[in-house]
C-alpha atoms as a PDB file:
ATOM      1  CA  UNK A   1     119.671 109.777  77.132  1.00  0.00           C
ATOM      2  CA  UNK A   2     123.207 109.789  75.742  1.00  0.00           C
ATOM      3  CA  UNK A   3     123.992 106.527  77.506  1.00  0.00           C
ATOM      4  CA  UNK A   4     120.996 104.747  75.982  1.00  0.00           C
ATOM      5  CA  UNK A   5     121.858 105.911  72.487  1.00  0.00           C
ATOM      6  CA  UNK A   6     125.488 104.947  72.963  1.00  0.00           C
ATOM      7  CA  UNK A   7     124.534 101.484  74.229  1.00  0.00           C
ATOM      8  CA  UNK A   8     122.118 100.971  71.331  1.00  0.00           C
ATOM      9  CA  UNK A   9     124.823 101.992  68.851  1.00  0.00           C
ATOM     10  CA  UNK A  10     127.320  99.758  70.585  1.00  0.00           C
ATOM     11  CA  UNK A  11     124.912  96.832  70.414  1.00  0.00           C
ATOM     12  CA  UNK A  12     124.334  97.451  66.691  1.00  0.00           C
ATOM     13  CA  UNK A  13     128.074  97.572  66.137  1.00  0.00           C
ATOM     14  CA  UNK A  14     128.564  94.300  67.980  1.00  0.00           C
ATOM     15  CA  UNK A  15     125.827  92.627  65.907  1.00  0.00           C
ATOM     16  CA  UNK A  16     127.401  93.843  62.666  1.00  0.00           C
ATOM     17  CA  UNK A  17     130.851  92.680  63.735  1.00  0.00           C
ATOM     18  CA  UNK A  18     129.460  89.285  64.758  1.00  0.00           C
ATOM     19  CA  UNK A  19     127.821  88.880  61.326  1.00  0.00           C
ATOM     20  CA  UNK A  20     131.075  89.822  59.619  1.00  0.00           C
ATOM     21  CA  UNK A  21     132.999  87.327  61.735  1.00  0.00           C
ATOM     22  CA  UNK A  22     130.578  84.544  60.805  1.00  0.00           C
ATOM     23  CA  UNK A  23     130.611  85.425  57.096  1.00  0.00           C
ATOM     24  CA  UNK A  24     134.355  85.667  56.852  1.00  0.00           C
ATOM     25  CA  UNK A  25     135.099  82.876  59.325  1.00  0.00           C
ATOM     26  CA  UNK A  26     136.922  84.917  61.912  1.00  0.00           C
ATOM     27  CA  UNK A  27     138.275  82.998  64.853  1.00  0.00           C
ATOM     28  CA  UNK A  28     136.674  82.711  68.258  1.00  0.00           C
ATOM     29  CA  UNK A  29     139.456  84.989  69.543  1.00  0.00           C
ATOM     30  CA  UNK A  30     138.100  87.745  67.267  1.00  0.00           C
ATOM     31  CA  UNK A  31     134.616  87.230  68.720  1.00  0.00           C
ATOM     32  CA  UNK A  32     136.065  87.377  72.237  1.00  0.00           C
ATOM     33  CA  UNK A  33     137.740  90.698  71.373  1.00  0.00           C
ATOM     34  CA  UNK A  34     134.383  92.091  70.236  1.00  0.00           C
ATOM     35  CA  UNK A  35     132.726  90.982  73.479  1.00  0.00           C
ATOM     36  CA  UNK A  36     135.602  92.429  75.533  1.00  0.00           C
ATOM     37  CA  UNK A  37     135.178  95.731  73.684  1.00  0.00           C
ATOM     38  CA  UNK A  38     131.473  95.826  74.528  1.00  0.00           C
ATOM     39  CA  UNK A  39     132.071  94.999  78.212  1.00  0.00           C
ATOM     40  CA  UNK A  40     134.775  97.662  78.471  1.00  0.00           C
ATOM     41  CA  UNK A  41     132.450 100.206  76.853  1.00  0.00           C
ATOM     42  CA  UNK A  42     129.636  99.391  79.263  1.00  0.00           C
ATOM     43  CA  UNK A  43     132.031  99.650  82.219  1.00  0.00           C
ATOM     44  CA  UNK A  44     133.153 103.045  80.962  1.00  0.00           C
ATOM     45  CA  UNK A  45     129.553 104.258  80.652  1.00  0.00           C
ATOM     46  CA  UNK A  46     128.814 103.171  84.219  1.00  0.00           C
ATOM     47  CA  UNK A  47     131.949 104.839  85.549  1.00  0.00           C
ATOM     48  CA  UNK A  48     132.217 108.386  86.861  1.00  0.00           C
ATOM     49  CA  UNK A  49     134.082 109.476  83.747  1.00  0.00           C
ATOM     50  CA  UNK A  50     131.058 109.161  81.434  1.00  0.00           C
ATOM     51  CA  UNK A  51     129.029 112.199  82.486  1.00  0.00           C
ATOM     52  CA  UNK A  52     126.061 113.819  80.848  1.00  0.00           C
ATOM     53  CA  UNK A  53     127.531 117.130  79.791  1.00  0.00           C
ATOM     54  CA  UNK A  54     124.274 119.018  79.533  1.00  0.00           C
ATOM     55  CA  UNK A  55     124.639 122.685  80.446  1.00  0.00           C
ATOM     56  CA  UNK A  56     122.238 122.303  83.389  1.00  0.00           C
ATOM     57  CA  UNK A  57     124.423 119.812  85.245  1.00  0.00           C
ATOM     58  CA  UNK A  58     127.138 122.400  85.930  1.00  0.00           C
ATOM     59  CA  UNK A  59     124.793 125.003  87.467  1.00  0.00           C
ATOM     60  CA  UNK A  60     123.823 123.078  90.603  1.00  0.00           C
ATOM     61  CA  UNK A  61     124.795 124.737  93.873  1.00  0.00           C
ATOM     62  CA  UNK A  62     124.924 122.805  97.096  1.00  0.00           C
ATOM     63  CA  UNK A  63     122.936 124.325  99.970  1.00  0.00           C
ATOM     64  CA  UNK A  64     126.032 124.484 102.180  1.00  0.00           C
ATOM     65  CA  UNK A  65     129.500 125.431 100.957  1.00  0.00           C
ATOM     66  CA  UNK A  66     131.199 123.320 103.617  1.00  0.00           C
ATOM     67  CA  UNK A  67     133.474 120.547 102.255  1.00  0.00           C
ATOM     68  CA  UNK A  68     132.030 118.139 104.851  1.00  0.00           C
ATOM     69  CA  UNK A  69     128.614 118.451 103.238  1.00  0.00           C
ATOM     70  CA  UNK A  70     130.038 118.253  99.711  1.00  0.00           C
ATOM     71  CA  UNK A  71     131.851 115.048 100.677  1.00  0.00           C
ATOM     72  CA  UNK A  72     128.713 113.542 102.260  1.00  0.00           C
ATOM     73  CA  UNK A  73     126.615 114.450  99.199  1.00  0.00           C
ATOM     74  CA  UNK A  74     129.175 112.949  96.815  1.00  0.00           C
ATOM     75  CA  UNK A  75     129.234 109.786  98.961  1.00  0.00           C
ATOM     76  CA  UNK A  76     125.437 109.640  98.711  1.00  0.00           C
ATOM     77  CA  UNK A  77     125.505 109.979  94.917  1.00  0.00           C
ATOM     78  CA  UNK A  78     128.223 107.315  94.644  1.00  0.00           C
ATOM     79  CA  UNK A  79     126.212 105.001  96.929  1.00  0.00           C
ATOM     80  CA  UNK A  80     123.091 105.503  94.790  1.00  0.00           C
ATOM     81  CA  UNK A  81     125.077 104.700  91.649  1.00  0.00           C
ATOM     82  CA  UNK A  82     126.749 101.590  93.061  1.00  0.00           C
ATOM     83  CA  UNK A  83     123.794 100.204  94.978  1.00  0.00           C
ATOM     84  CA  UNK A  84     120.890 101.106  92.700  1.00  0.00           C
ATOM     85  CA  UNK A  85     122.544 102.048  89.367  1.00  0.00           C
ATOM     86  CA  UNK A  86     120.879 105.446  89.772  1.00  0.00           C
ATOM     87  CA  UNK A  87     122.429 108.684  88.580  1.00  0.00           C
ATOM     88  CA  UNK A  88     120.736 111.985  89.394  1.00  0.00           C
ATOM     89  CA  UNK A  89     119.565 114.226  86.589  1.00  0.00           C
ATOM     90  CA  UNK A  90     119.967 117.957  87.359  1.00  0.00           C
ATOM     91  CA  UNK A  91     116.276 118.454  88.196  1.00  0.00           C
ATOM     92  CA  UNK A  92     116.060 115.379  90.452  1.00  0.00           C
ATOM     93  CA  UNK A  93     119.292 116.256  92.243  1.00  0.00           C
ATOM     94  CA  UNK A  94     118.010 119.760  92.870  1.00  0.00           C
ATOM     95  CA  UNK A  95     114.723 118.404  94.267  1.00  0.00           C
ATOM     96  CA  UNK A  96     116.573 115.847  96.423  1.00  0.00           C
ATOM     97  CA  UNK A  97     118.649 118.663  97.925  1.00  0.00           C
ATOM     98  CA  UNK A  98     115.495 120.723  98.568  1.00  0.00           C
ATOM     99  CA  UNK A  99     113.957 117.721 100.333  1.00  0.00           C
ATOM    100  CA  UNK A 100     117.109 117.240 102.384  1.00  0.00           C
ATOM    101  CA  UNK A 101     117.005 120.892 103.460  1.00  0.00           C
ATOM    102  CA  UNK A 102     113.398 120.403 104.604  1.00  0.00           C
ATOM    103  CA  UNK A 103     114.086 117.132 106.429  1.00  0.00           C
ATOM    104  CA  UNK A 104     117.082 118.640 108.221  1.00  0.00           C
ATOM    105  CA  UNK A 105     115.341 121.928 109.101  1.00  0.00           C
ATOM    106  CA  UNK A 106     118.111 123.664 107.160  1.00  0.00           C
ATOM    107  CA  UNK A 107     120.753 122.282 109.545  1.00  0.00           C
ATOM    108  CA  UNK A 108     123.865 121.004 107.776  1.00  0.00           C
ATOM    109  CA  UNK A 109     124.946 118.623 110.551  1.00  0.00           C
ATOM    110  CA  UNK A 110     121.500 116.981 110.577  1.00  0.00           C
ATOM    111  CA  UNK A 111     121.585 116.786 106.758  1.00  0.00           C
ATOM    112  CA  UNK A 112     124.914 114.940 106.936  1.00  0.00           C
ATOM    113  CA  UNK A 113     123.467 112.594 109.584  1.00  0.00           C
ATOM    114  CA  UNK A 114     120.488 111.889 107.308  1.00  0.00           C
ATOM    115  CA  UNK A 115     122.803 111.076 104.401  1.00  0.00           C
ATOM    116  CA  UNK A 116     125.036 108.836 106.530  1.00  0.00           C
ATOM    117  CA  UNK A 117     122.034 107.087 108.091  1.00  0.00           C
ATOM    118  CA  UNK A 118     120.516 106.388 104.662  1.00  0.00           C
ATOM    119  CA  UNK A 119     123.804 104.941 103.392  1.00  0.00           C
ATOM    120  CA  UNK A 120     124.351 102.846 106.539  1.00  0.00           C
ATOM    121  CA  UNK A 121     120.851 101.383 106.313  1.00  0.00           C
ATOM    122  CA  UNK A 122     120.952 100.818 102.550  1.00  0.00           C
ATOM    123  CA  UNK A 123     118.030 103.139 101.876  1.00  0.00           C
ATOM    124  CA  UNK A 124     117.239 104.193  98.331  1.00  0.00           C
ATOM    125  CA  UNK A 125     116.077 107.599  99.557  1.00  0.00           C
ATOM    126  CA  UNK A 126     116.850 110.199 102.188  1.00  0.00           C
ATOM    127  CA  UNK A 127     114.703 109.872 105.300  1.00  0.00           C
ATOM    128  CA  UNK A 128     114.369 111.996 108.412  1.00  0.00           C
ATOM    129  CA  UNK A 129     116.066 110.609 111.465  1.00  0.00           C
ATOM    130  CA  UNK A 130     113.607 109.596 114.160  1.00  0.00           C
ATOM    131  CA  UNK A 131     114.560 111.031 117.522  1.00  0.00           C
ATOM    132  CA  UNK A 132     113.594 109.259 120.714  1.00  0.00           C
ATOM    133  CA  UNK A 133     111.269 111.339 122.836  1.00  0.00           C
ATOM    134  CA  UNK A 134     112.555 112.132 126.302  1.00  0.00           C
ATOM    135  CA  UNK A 135     110.142 111.414 129.120  1.00  0.00           C
ATOM    136  CA  UNK A 136     109.311 114.515 131.060  1.00  0.00           C
ATOM    137  CA  UNK A 137     108.478 112.615 134.262  1.00  0.00           C
ATOM    138  CA  UNK A 138     111.134 110.418 135.860  1.00  0.00           C
ATOM    139  CA  UNK A 139     110.248 106.744 135.800  1.00  0.00           C
ATOM    140  CA  UNK A 140     109.795 105.052 139.138  1.00  0.00           C
ATOM    141  CA  UNK A 141     111.615 101.923 140.062  1.00  0.00           C
ATOM    142  CA  UNK A 142     108.960  99.239 139.644  1.00  0.00           C
ATOM    143  CA  UNK A 143     110.718  96.918 142.101  1.00  0.00           C
ATOM    144  CA  UNK A 144     110.265  99.400 144.924  1.00  0.00           C
ATOM    145  CA  UNK A 145     106.998  99.339 146.824  1.00  0.00           C
ATOM    146  CA  UNK A 146     106.031 102.527 148.558  1.00  0.00           C
ATOM    147  CA  UNK A 147     103.804 102.486 151.608  1.00  0.00           C
ATOM    148  CA  UNK A 148     101.914 105.383 153.099  1.00  0.00           C
ATOM    149  CA  UNK A 149     102.491 105.855 156.845  1.00  0.00           C
END
């Protein structure tokens, strides 16, 4: 919400500055400076430093206190931001963590595997890892012919 308002204000500012430059015959270097300012502002908004400082965002607790999980979760959020320009809101992050707990059967190592697998495969969401089923009966060698005596 704050980002959209900031971008709209920034766009209005750029339009006003462009009109002023045209009216007062500013140079093309002045126009380039205005465009550079807008690009730098947009880069700042998309960076980690521009964070929604709503009170809810600081209350989120990770399901596991282990730094390995915290690192994996932060990698996932960074991947989502870079790959899909998606930043979690507090409610969606909370629900994503609940879903991850369910998919991992509340097992931290499986949760980390799910996160890593989703990043490695470029998934936009967190998906359960499919396990290969083990055959209960040993497979026979098909090249061997057995004869009854």
